[in-house]
Amino acid sequence: DRIVAPKPLFKISILGGVNKAGDVPYESGMTLLKAIAQAGSFNDGARRDRIKIIRKSLTKNERAEKGTNKTITLNVDATAIFRGKADDLALRPGDTVYVSEW
């Protein structure tokens, strides 16, 4: 007999200044910093103050309200999160996180 483990249905893509760029499985309650940690953390050239979250899929209510599947981009400064000046942003399935590099 053979057991096949299904691939996760939901994922987050993490690109740019992280040690292991690629897809990570989405987990309920996942935040930006948790996702970056799963991608091996920031690399030496990462701009922790310039992170973009590209959100393609709006919720059903947002689609109805806006009448579109418009992509939105959120600019995040992780250094503000580290200093306690901003909340760690909750991610959604399908988000793409891009960490800028020097």
PDB file of N, CA and C in Angstrom:
ATOM      1  N   ASP A   1       0.834  -1.181   0.000  1.00  0.00           N
ATOM      2  CA  ASP A   1       0.000   0.000   0.000  1.00  0.00           C
ATOM      3  C   ASP A   1       0.879   1.245   0.000  1.00  0.00           C
ATOM      4  N   ARG A   2       0.312   2.274  -0.577  1.00  0.00           N
ATOM      5  CA  ARG A   2       1.048   3.529  -0.660  1.00  0.00           C
ATOM      6  C   ARG A   2       0.173   4.650  -0.114  1.00  0.00           C
ATOM      7  N   ILE A   3       0.757   5.494   0.714  1.00  0.00           N
ATOM      8  CA  ILE A   3       0.041   6.636   1.264  1.00  0.00           C
ATOM      9  C   ILE A   3       0.545   7.890   0.567  1.00  0.00           C
ATOM     10  N   VAL A   4      -0.382   8.666   0.048  1.00  0.00           N
ATOM     11  CA  VAL A   4      -0.024   9.898  -0.629  1.00  0.00           C
ATOM     12  C   VAL A   4      -0.553  11.062   0.195  1.00  0.00           C
ATOM     13  N   ALA A   5       0.349  11.933   0.598  1.00  0.00           N
ATOM     14  CA  ALA A   5      -0.062  13.115   1.357  1.00  0.00           C
ATOM     15  C   ALA A   5      -0.420  14.225   0.375  1.00  0.00           C
ATOM     16  N   PRO A   6      -1.619  14.777   0.479  1.00  0.00           N
ATOM     17  CA  PRO A   6      -2.003  15.840  -0.459  1.00  0.00           C
ATOM     18  C   PRO A   6      -1.204  17.110  -0.224  1.00  0.00           C
ATOM     19  N   LYS A   7      -0.998  17.866  -1.308  1.00  0.00           N
ATOM     20  CA  LYS A   7      -0.342  19.154  -1.187  1.00  0.00           C
ATOM     21  C   LYS A   7      -1.300  20.122  -0.502  1.00  0.00           C
ATOM     22  N   PRO A   8      -0.762  21.091   0.235  1.00  0.00           N
ATOM     23  CA  PRO A   8      -1.644  22.061   0.877  1.00  0.00           C
ATOM     24  C   PRO A   8      -2.460  22.819  -0.166  1.00  0.00           C
ATOM     25  N   LEU A   9      -3.710  23.058   0.147  1.00  0.00           N
ATOM     26  CA  LEU A   9      -4.577  23.778  -0.781  1.00  0.00           C
ATOM     27  C   LEU A   9      -4.270  25.261  -0.805  1.00  0.00           C
ATOM     28  N   PHE A  10      -3.849  25.779   0.315  1.00  0.00           N
ATOM     29  CA  PHE A  10      -3.589  27.204   0.405  1.00  0.00           C
ATOM     30  C   PHE A  10      -2.112  27.438   0.666  1.00  0.00           C
ATOM     31  N   LYS A  11      -1.574  28.460   0.024  1.00  0.00           N
ATOM     32  CA  LYS A  11      -0.154  28.752   0.185  1.00  0.00           C
ATOM     33  C   LYS A  11       0.076  30.252   0.173  1.00  0.00           C
ATOM     34  N   ILE A  12       1.251  30.626   0.634  1.00  0.00           N
ATOM     35  CA  ILE A  12       1.761  31.987   0.587  1.00  0.00           C
ATOM     36  C   ILE A  12       3.060  31.914  -0.210  1.00  0.00           C
ATOM     37  N   SER A  13       3.251  32.802  -1.160  1.00  0.00           N
ATOM     38  CA  SER A  13       4.513  32.861  -1.900  1.00  0.00           C
ATOM     39  C   SER A  13       5.381  33.938  -1.277  1.00  0.00           C
ATOM     40  N   ILE A  14       6.645  33.604  -1.011  1.00  0.00           N
ATOM     41  CA  ILE A  14       7.573  34.559  -0.407  1.00  0.00           C
ATOM     42  C   ILE A  14       8.790  34.678  -1.319  1.00  0.00           C
ATOM     43  N   LEU A  15       9.050  35.902  -1.767  1.00  0.00           N
ATOM     44  CA  LEU A  15      10.105  36.157  -2.743  1.00  0.00           C
ATOM     45  C   LEU A  15      11.055  37.236  -2.240  1.00  0.00           C
ATOM     46  N   GLY A  16      12.213  37.321  -2.869  1.00  0.00           N
ATOM     47  CA  GLY A  16      13.155  38.394  -2.557  1.00  0.00           C
ATOM     48  C   GLY A  16      14.108  38.032  -1.447  1.00  0.00           C
ATOM     49  N   GLY A  17      14.271  38.960  -0.499  1.00  0.00           N
ATOM     50  CA  GLY A  17      15.306  38.878   0.523  1.00  0.00           C
ATOM     51  C   GLY A  17      15.063  37.933   1.670  1.00  0.00           C
ATOM     52  N   VAL A  18      14.781  36.670   1.359  1.00  0.00           N
ATOM     53  CA  VAL A  18      14.662  35.625   2.376  1.00  0.00           C
ATOM     54  C   VAL A  18      15.603  34.484   2.003  1.00  0.00           C
ATOM     55  N   ASN A  19      15.907  33.628   2.962  1.00  0.00           N
ATOM     56  CA  ASN A  19      16.864  32.547   2.713  1.00  0.00           C
ATOM     57  C   ASN A  19      16.307  31.405   1.871  1.00  0.00           C
ATOM     58  N   LYS A  20      15.005  31.160   1.933  1.00  0.00           N
ATOM     59  CA  LYS A  20      14.389  30.062   1.170  1.00  0.00           C
ATOM     60  C   LYS A  20      13.145  30.582   0.462  1.00  0.00           C
ATOM     61  N   ALA A  21      13.351  31.351  -0.601  1.00  0.00           N
ATOM     62  CA  ALA A  21      12.217  31.895  -1.352  1.00  0.00           C
ATOM     63  C   ALA A  21      11.394  30.754  -1.946  1.00  0.00           C
ATOM     64  N   GLY A  22      10.096  30.959  -2.029  1.00  0.00           N
ATOM     65  CA  GLY A  22       9.206  29.956  -2.598  1.00  0.00           C
ATOM     66  C   GLY A  22       7.871  29.979  -1.885  1.00  0.00           C
ATOM     67  N   ASP A  23       7.151  28.887  -2.000  1.00  0.00           N
ATOM     68  CA  ASP A  23       5.830  28.779  -1.383  1.00  0.00           C
ATOM     69  C   ASP A  23       5.927  28.132  -0.007  1.00  0.00           C
ATOM     70  N   VAL A  24       5.130  28.642   0.920  1.00  0.00           N
ATOM     71  CA  VAL A  24       4.983  28.020   2.232  1.00  0.00           C
ATOM     72  C   VAL A  24       3.504  27.745   2.431  1.00  0.00           C
ATOM     73  N   PRO A  25       3.160  26.659   3.117  1.00  0.00           N
ATOM     74  CA  PRO A  25       1.745  26.367   3.342  1.00  0.00           C
ATOM     75  C   PRO A  25       1.100  27.433   4.224  1.00  0.00           C
ATOM     76  N   TYR A  26      -0.089  27.846   3.847  1.00  0.00           N
ATOM     77  CA  TYR A  26      -0.835  28.804   4.659  1.00  0.00           C
ATOM     78  C   TYR A  26      -1.438  28.080   5.850  1.00  0.00           C
ATOM     79  N   GLU A  27      -1.314  28.692   7.020  1.00  0.00           N
ATOM     80  CA  GLU A  27      -1.930  28.163   8.234  1.00  0.00           C
ATOM     81  C   GLU A  27      -2.855  29.230   8.782  1.00  0.00           C
ATOM     82  N   SER A  28      -3.973  28.834   9.324  1.00  0.00           N
ATOM     83  CA  SER A  28      -4.923  29.773   9.893  1.00  0.00           C
ATOM     84  C   SER A  28      -4.228  30.675  10.913  1.00  0.00           C
ATOM     85  N   GLY A  29      -4.440  31.965  10.811  1.00  0.00           N
ATOM     86  CA  GLY A  29      -3.822  32.913  11.732  1.00  0.00           C
ATOM     87  C   GLY A  29      -2.402  33.296  11.371  1.00  0.00           C
ATOM     88  N   MET A  30      -1.921  32.877  10.201  1.00  0.00           N
ATOM     89  CA  MET A  30      -0.546  33.167   9.804  1.00  0.00           C
ATOM     90  C   MET A  30      -0.328  34.671   9.653  1.00  0.00           C
ATOM     91  N   THR A  31       0.810  35.125  10.165  1.00  0.00           N
ATOM     92  CA  THR A  31       1.176  36.529  10.043  1.00  0.00           C
ATOM     93  C   THR A  31       2.400  36.675   9.143  1.00  0.00           C
ATOM     94  N   LEU A  32       2.704  37.908   8.806  1.00  0.00           N
ATOM     95  CA  LEU A  32       3.849  38.194   7.951  1.00  0.00           C
ATOM     96  C   LEU A  32       5.136  37.631   8.537  1.00  0.00           C
ATOM     97  N   LEU A  33       5.411  37.909   9.805  1.00  0.00           N
ATOM     98  CA  LEU A  33       6.671  37.446  10.393  1.00  0.00           C
ATOM     99  C   LEU A  33       6.737  35.933  10.521  1.00  0.00           C
ATOM    100  N   LYS A  34       5.610  35.273  10.773  1.00  0.00           N
ATOM    101  CA  LYS A  34       5.605  33.801  10.818  1.00  0.00           C
ATOM    102  C   LYS A  34       5.933  33.226   9.445  1.00  0.00           C
ATOM    103  N   ALA A  35       5.374  33.821   8.395  1.00  0.00           N
ATOM    104  CA  ALA A  35       5.638  33.338   7.035  1.00  0.00           C
ATOM    105  C   ALA A  35       7.104  33.548   6.664  1.00  0.00           C
ATOM    106  N   ILE A  36       7.658  34.699   7.027  1.00  0.00           N
ATOM    107  CA  ILE A  36       9.072  34.957   6.736  1.00  0.00           C
ATOM    108  C   ILE A  36       9.954  33.978   7.508  1.00  0.00           C
ATOM    109  N   ALA A  37       9.593  33.669   8.731  1.00  0.00           N
ATOM    110  CA  ALA A  37      10.354  32.675   9.505  1.00  0.00           C
ATOM    111  C   ALA A  37      10.318  31.319   8.812  1.00  0.00           C
ATOM    112  N   GLN A  38       9.164  30.941   8.252  1.00  0.00           N
ATOM    113  CA  GLN A  38       9.066  29.662   7.535  1.00  0.00           C
ATOM    114  C   GLN A  38       9.914  29.663   6.269  1.00  0.00           C
ATOM    115  N   ALA A  39      10.191  30.848   5.734  1.00  0.00           N
ATOM    116  CA  ALA A  39      11.028  30.959   4.537  1.00  0.00           C
ATOM    117  C   ALA A  39      12.503  31.130   4.914  1.00  0.00           C
ATOM    118  N   GLY A  40      12.854  30.765   6.122  1.00  0.00           N
ATOM    119  CA  GLY A  40      14.252  30.804   6.537  1.00  0.00           C
ATOM    120  C   GLY A  40      14.720  32.154   7.044  1.00  0.00           C
ATOM    121  N   SER A  41      13.817  33.075   7.293  1.00  0.00           N
ATOM    122  CA  SER A  41      14.097  34.412   7.802  1.00  0.00           C
ATOM    123  C   SER A  41      14.698  35.304   6.709  1.00  0.00           C
ATOM    124  N   PHE A  42      15.006  36.528   7.095  1.00  0.00           N
ATOM    125  CA  PHE A  42      15.591  37.495   6.160  1.00  0.00           C
ATOM    126  C   PHE A  42      17.017  37.093   5.814  1.00  0.00           C
ATOM    127  N   ASN A  43      17.441  37.358   4.575  1.00  0.00           N
ATOM    128  CA  ASN A  43      18.843  37.144   4.240  1.00  0.00           C
ATOM    129  C   ASN A  43      19.620  38.425   4.518  1.00  0.00           C
ATOM    130  N   ASP A  44      20.925  38.409   4.302  1.00  0.00           N
ATOM    131  CA  ASP A  44      21.779  39.552   4.640  1.00  0.00           C
ATOM    132  C   ASP A  44      21.448  40.809   3.844  1.00  0.00           C
ATOM    133  N   GLY A  45      20.925  40.664   2.640  1.00  0.00           N
ATOM    134  CA  GLY A  45      20.622  41.830   1.809  1.00  0.00           C
ATOM    135  C   GLY A  45      19.193  42.319   1.908  1.00  0.00           C
ATOM    136  N   ALA A  46      18.422  41.768   2.831  1.00  0.00           N
ATOM    137  CA  ALA A  46      17.000  42.105   2.926  1.00  0.00           C
ATOM    138  C   ALA A  46      16.778  43.524   3.422  1.00  0.00           C
ATOM    139  N   ARG A  47      15.810  44.192   2.803  1.00  0.00           N
ATOM    140  CA  ARG A  47      15.340  45.503   3.282  1.00  0.00           C
ATOM    141  C   ARG A  47      14.127  45.235   4.160  1.00  0.00           C
ATOM    142  N   ARG A  48      14.350  45.121   5.444  1.00  0.00           N
ATOM    143  CA  ARG A  48      13.260  44.810   6.374  1.00  0.00           C
ATOM    144  C   ARG A  48      12.222  45.924   6.442  1.00  0.00           C
ATOM    145  N   ASP A  49      12.610  47.110   5.980  1.00  0.00           N
ATOM    146  CA  ASP A  49      11.705  48.252   6.003  1.00  0.00           C
ATOM    147  C   ASP A  49      10.892  48.395   4.714  1.00  0.00           C
ATOM    148  N   ARG A  50      11.126  47.518   3.747  1.00  0.00           N
ATOM    149  CA  ARG A  50      10.426  47.610   2.460  1.00  0.00           C
ATOM    150  C   ARG A  50       9.916  46.243   2.024  1.00  0.00           C
ATOM    151  N   ILE A  51       8.758  45.898   2.551  1.00  0.00           N
ATOM    152  CA  ILE A  51       8.129  44.625   2.224  1.00  0.00           C
ATOM    153  C   ILE A  51       6.792  44.927   1.560  1.00  0.00           C
ATOM    154  N   LYS A  52       6.512  44.233   0.480  1.00  0.00           N
ATOM    155  CA  LYS A  52       5.231  44.389  -0.203  1.00  0.00           C
ATOM    156  C   LYS A  52       4.441  43.097  -0.078  1.00  0.00           C
ATOM    157  N   ILE A  53       3.167  43.245   0.205  1.00  0.00           N
ATOM    158  CA  ILE A  53       2.258  42.107   0.197  1.00  0.00           C
ATOM    159  C   ILE A  53       1.287  42.347  -0.942  1.00  0.00           C
ATOM    160  N   ILE A  54       1.279  41.431  -1.886  1.00  0.00           N
ATOM    161  CA  ILE A  54       0.401  41.534  -3.047  1.00  0.00           C
ATOM    162  C   ILE A  54      -0.751  40.579  -2.812  1.00  0.00           C
ATOM    163  N   ARG A  55      -1.928  41.139  -2.723  1.00  0.00           N
ATOM    164  CA  ARG A  55      -3.122  40.372  -2.386  1.00  0.00           C
ATOM    165  C   ARG A  55      -4.021  40.344  -3.620  1.00  0.00           C
ATOM    166  N   LYS A  56      -4.087  39.189  -4.267  1.00  0.00           N
ATOM    167  CA  LYS A  56      -4.870  39.035  -5.485  1.00  0.00           C
ATOM    168  C   LYS A  56      -6.331  38.747  -5.204  1.00  0.00           C
ATOM    169  N   SER A  57      -6.572  37.936  -4.207  1.00  0.00           N
ATOM    170  CA  SER A  57      -7.935  37.472  -3.981  1.00  0.00           C
ATOM    171  C   SER A  57      -8.598  38.248  -2.856  1.00  0.00           C
ATOM    172  N   LEU A  58      -9.626  38.950  -3.181  1.00  0.00           N
ATOM    173  CA  LEU A  58     -10.411  39.632  -2.166  1.00  0.00           C
ATOM    174  C   LEU A  58     -11.441  38.661  -1.620  1.00  0.00           C
ATOM    175  N   THR A  59     -11.952  38.935  -0.438  1.00  0.00           N
ATOM    176  CA  THR A  59     -12.991  38.085   0.119  1.00  0.00           C
ATOM    177  C   THR A  59     -14.280  38.256  -0.666  1.00  0.00           C
ATOM    178  N   LYS A  60     -15.204  37.346  -0.469  1.00  0.00           N
ATOM    179  CA  LYS A  60     -16.481  37.415  -1.172  1.00  0.00           C
ATOM    180  C   LYS A  60     -17.183  38.755  -0.918  1.00  0.00           C
ATOM    181  N   ASN A  61     -17.164  39.220   0.325  1.00  0.00           N
ATOM    182  CA  ASN A  61     -17.789  40.499   0.656  1.00  0.00           C
ATOM    183  C   ASN A  61     -17.086  41.666  -0.026  1.00  0.00           C
ATOM    184  N   GLU A  62     -15.745  41.628  -0.073  1.00  0.00           N
ATOM    185  CA  GLU A  62     -14.998  42.702  -0.732  1.00  0.00           C
ATOM    186  C   GLU A  62     -15.274  42.725  -2.233  1.00  0.00           C
ATOM    187  N   ARG A  63     -15.379  41.539  -2.848  1.00  0.00           N
ATOM    188  CA  ARG A  63     -15.697  41.483  -4.278  1.00  0.00           C
ATOM    189  C   ARG A  63     -17.067  42.084  -4.544  1.00  0.00           C
ATOM    190  N   ALA A  64     -18.028  41.741  -3.691  1.00  0.00           N
ATOM    191  CA  ALA A  64     -19.380  42.262  -3.866  1.00  0.00           C
ATOM    192  C   ALA A  64     -19.402  43.779  -3.666  1.00  0.00           C
ATOM    193  N   GLU A  65     -18.645  44.239  -2.681  1.00  0.00           N
ATOM    194  CA  GLU A  65     -18.610  45.665  -2.368  1.00  0.00           C
ATOM    195  C   GLU A  65     -17.918  46.464  -3.470  1.00  0.00           C
ATOM    196  N   LYS A  66     -16.806  45.937  -3.977  1.00  0.00           N
ATOM    197  CA  LYS A  66     -16.018  46.660  -4.977  1.00  0.00           C
ATOM    198  C   LYS A  66     -16.360  46.252  -6.404  1.00  0.00           C
ATOM    199  N   GLY A  67     -17.040  45.122  -6.544  1.00  0.00           N
ATOM    200  CA  GLY A  67     -17.427  44.658  -7.873  1.00  0.00           C
ATOM    201  C   GLY A  67     -16.267  44.232  -8.746  1.00  0.00           C
ATOM    202  N   THR A  68     -15.176  43.781  -8.134  1.00  0.00           N
ATOM    203  CA  THR A  68     -13.996  43.421  -8.913  1.00  0.00           C
ATOM    204  C   THR A  68     -13.106  42.465  -8.127  1.00  0.00           C
ATOM    205  N   ASN A  69     -12.165  41.866  -8.813  1.00  0.00           N
ATOM    206  CA  ASN A  69     -11.129  41.041  -8.180  1.00  0.00           C
ATOM    207  C   ASN A  69      -9.808  41.794  -8.174  1.00  0.00           C
ATOM    208  N   LYS A  70      -9.867  43.070  -7.972  1.00  0.00           N
ATOM    209  CA  LYS A  70      -8.701  43.945  -8.047  1.00  0.00           C
ATOM    210  C   LYS A  70      -7.574  43.492  -7.114  1.00  0.00           C
ATOM    211  N   THR A  71      -6.361  43.572  -7.614  1.00  0.00           N
ATOM    212  CA  THR A  71      -5.181  43.266  -6.818  1.00  0.00           C
ATOM    213  C   THR A  71      -4.824  44.489  -5.984  1.00  0.00           C
ATOM    214  N   ILE A  72      -4.499  44.259  -4.724  1.00  0.00           N
ATOM    215  CA  ILE A  72      -4.050  45.364  -3.884  1.00  0.00           C
ATOM    216  C   ILE A  72      -2.643  45.074  -3.395  1.00  0.00           C
ATOM    217  N   THR A  73      -1.878  46.136  -3.145  1.00  0.00           N
ATOM    218  CA  THR A  73      -0.517  46.008  -2.639  1.00  0.00           C
ATOM    219  C   THR A  73      -0.426  46.740  -1.311  1.00  0.00           C
ATOM    220  N   LEU A  74       0.092  46.053  -0.318  1.00  0.00           N
ATOM    221  CA  LEU A  74       0.283  46.635   1.006  1.00  0.00           C
ATOM    222  C   LEU A  74       1.772  46.801   1.244  1.00  0.00           C
ATOM    223  N   ASN A  75       2.182  47.982   1.669  1.00  0.00           N
ATOM    224  CA  ASN A  75       3.585  48.236   2.000  1.00  0.00           C
ATOM    225  C   ASN A  75       3.756  48.100   3.509  1.00  0.00           C
ATOM    226  N   VAL A  76       4.748  47.297   3.906  1.00  0.00           N
ATOM    227  CA  VAL A  76       4.933  46.992   5.321  1.00  0.00           C
ATOM    228  C   VAL A  76       6.389  47.243   5.711  1.00  0.00           C
ATOM    229  N   ASP A  77       6.574  47.787   6.913  1.00  0.00           N
ATOM    230  CA  ASP A  77       7.896  48.002   7.494  1.00  0.00           C
ATOM    231  C   ASP A  77       8.041  47.034   8.670  1.00  0.00           C
ATOM    232  N   ALA A  78       8.778  45.948   8.470  1.00  0.00           N
ATOM    233  CA  ALA A  78       8.939  44.945   9.538  1.00  0.00           C
ATOM    234  C   ALA A  78       9.700  45.499  10.726  1.00  0.00           C
ATOM    235  N   THR A  79      10.546  46.509  10.507  1.00  0.00           N
ATOM    236  CA  THR A  79      11.275  47.078  11.643  1.00  0.00           C
ATOM    237  C   THR A  79      10.306  47.745  12.620  1.00  0.00           C
ATOM    238  N   ALA A  80       9.217  48.298  12.111  1.00  0.00           N
ATOM    239  CA  ALA A  80       8.192  48.894  12.991  1.00  0.00           C
ATOM    240  C   ALA A  80       7.487  47.802  13.797  1.00  0.00           C
ATOM    241  N   ILE A  81       7.301  46.637  13.197  1.00  0.00           N
ATOM    242  CA  ILE A  81       6.696  45.514  13.918  1.00  0.00           C
ATOM    243  C   ILE A  81       7.639  45.064  15.033  1.00  0.00           C
ATOM    244  N   PHE A  82       8.937  44.945  14.713  1.00  0.00           N
ATOM    245  CA  PHE A  82       9.925  44.527  15.712  1.00  0.00           C
ATOM    246  C   PHE A  82       9.970  45.497  16.894  1.00  0.00           C
ATOM    247  N   ARG A  83       9.821  46.793  16.612  1.00  0.00           N
ATOM    248  CA  ARG A  83       9.878  47.819  17.665  1.00  0.00           C
ATOM    249  C   ARG A  83       8.554  47.989  18.402  1.00  0.00           C
ATOM    250  N   GLY A  84       7.517  47.255  18.001  1.00  0.00           N
ATOM    251  CA  GLY A  84       6.217  47.359  18.655  1.00  0.00           C
ATOM    252  C   GLY A  84       5.405  48.564  18.212  1.00  0.00           C
ATOM    253  N   LYS A  85       5.805  49.202  17.114  1.00  0.00           N
ATOM    254  CA  LYS A  85       5.106  50.389  16.613  1.00  0.00           C
ATOM    255  C   LYS A  85       4.032  50.038  15.589  1.00  0.00           C
ATOM    256  N   ALA A  86       3.983  48.786  15.163  1.00  0.00           N
ATOM    257  CA  ALA A  86       2.971  48.322  14.205  1.00  0.00           C
ATOM    258  C   ALA A  86       2.639  46.876  14.529  1.00  0.00           C
ATOM    259  N   ASP A  87       1.417  46.472  14.186  1.00  0.00           N
ATOM    260  CA  ASP A  87       1.003  45.092  14.394  1.00  0.00           C
ATOM    261  C   ASP A  87       1.547  44.205  13.282  1.00  0.00           C
ATOM    262  N   ASP A  88       1.809  42.959  13.615  1.00  0.00           N
ATOM    263  CA  ASP A  88       2.204  41.968  12.626  1.00  0.00           C
ATOM    264  C   ASP A  88       0.980  41.689  11.755  1.00  0.00           C
ATOM    265  N   LEU A  89       1.108  41.871  10.475  1.00  0.00           N
ATOM    266  CA  LEU A  89      -0.016  41.803   9.548  1.00  0.00           C
ATOM    267  C   LEU A  89      -0.477  40.368   9.312  1.00  0.00           C
ATOM    268  N   ALA A  90      -1.770  40.141   9.406  1.00  0.00           N
ATOM    269  CA  ALA A  90      -2.347  38.826   9.107  1.00  0.00           C
ATOM    270  C   ALA A  90      -2.333  38.608   7.599  1.00  0.00           C
ATOM    271  N   LEU A  91      -1.894  37.432   7.194  1.00  0.00           N
ATOM    272  CA  LEU A  91      -1.872  37.089   5.774  1.00  0.00           C
ATOM    273  C   LEU A  91      -3.122  36.308   5.409  1.00  0.00           C
ATOM    274  N   ARG A  92      -3.377  36.237   4.109  1.00  0.00           N
ATOM    275  CA  ARG A  92      -4.501  35.472   3.575  1.00  0.00           C
ATOM    276  C   ARG A  92      -3.968  34.452   2.580  1.00  0.00           C
ATOM    277  N   PRO A  93      -4.692  33.352   2.400  1.00  0.00           N
ATOM    278  CA  PRO A  93      -4.273  32.375   1.394  1.00  0.00           C
ATOM    279  C   PRO A  93      -4.111  33.054   0.034  1.00  0.00           C
ATOM    280  N   GLY A  94      -3.022  32.725  -0.650  1.00  0.00           N
ATOM    281  CA  GLY A  94      -2.781  33.283  -1.983  1.00  0.00           C
ATOM    282  C   GLY A  94      -1.978  34.559  -1.985  1.00  0.00           C
ATOM    283  N   ASP A  95      -1.685  35.123  -0.813  1.00  0.00           N
ATOM    284  CA  ASP A  95      -0.869  36.343  -0.763  1.00  0.00           C
ATOM    285  C   ASP A  95       0.532  36.058  -1.291  1.00  0.00           C
ATOM    286  N   THR A  96       1.143  37.089  -1.870  1.00  0.00           N
ATOM    287  CA  THR A  96       2.554  37.043  -2.270  1.00  0.00           C
ATOM    288  C   THR A  96       3.283  38.090  -1.452  1.00  0.00           C
ATOM    289  N   VAL A  97       4.345  37.675  -0.793  1.00  0.00           N
ATOM    290  CA  VAL A  97       5.169  38.580   0.019  1.00  0.00           C
ATOM    291  C   VAL A  97       6.472  38.794  -0.731  1.00  0.00           C
ATOM    292  N   TYR A  98       6.817  40.072  -0.966  1.00  0.00           N
ATOM    293  CA  TYR A  98       8.085  40.389  -1.618  1.00  0.00           C
ATOM    294  C   TYR A  98       8.918  41.236  -0.669  1.00  0.00           C
ATOM    295  N   VAL A  99      10.077  40.713  -0.272  1.00  0.00           N
ATOM    296  CA  VAL A  99      11.006  41.426   0.600  1.00  0.00           C
ATOM    297  C   VAL A  99      12.054  42.060  -0.301  1.00  0.00           C
ATOM    298  N   SER A 100      12.091  43.397  -0.321  1.00  0.00           N
ATOM    299  CA  SER A 100      13.071  44.117  -1.148  1.00  0.00           C
ATOM    300  C   SER A 100      14.484  43.835  -0.663  1.00  0.00           C
ATOM    301  N   GLU A 101      15.437  44.024  -1.565  1.00  0.00           N
ATOM    302  CA  GLU A 101      16.852  43.808  -1.229  1.00  0.00           C
ATOM    303  C   GLU A 101      17.658  45.032  -1.590  1.00  0.00           C
ATOM    304  N   TRP A 102      18.805  45.198  -0.921  1.00  0.00           N
ATOM    305  CA  TRP A 102      19.704  46.327  -1.203  1.00  0.00           C
ATOM    306  C   TRP A 102      20.325  46.182  -2.548  1.00  0.00           C
TER     307      TRP A 102
END
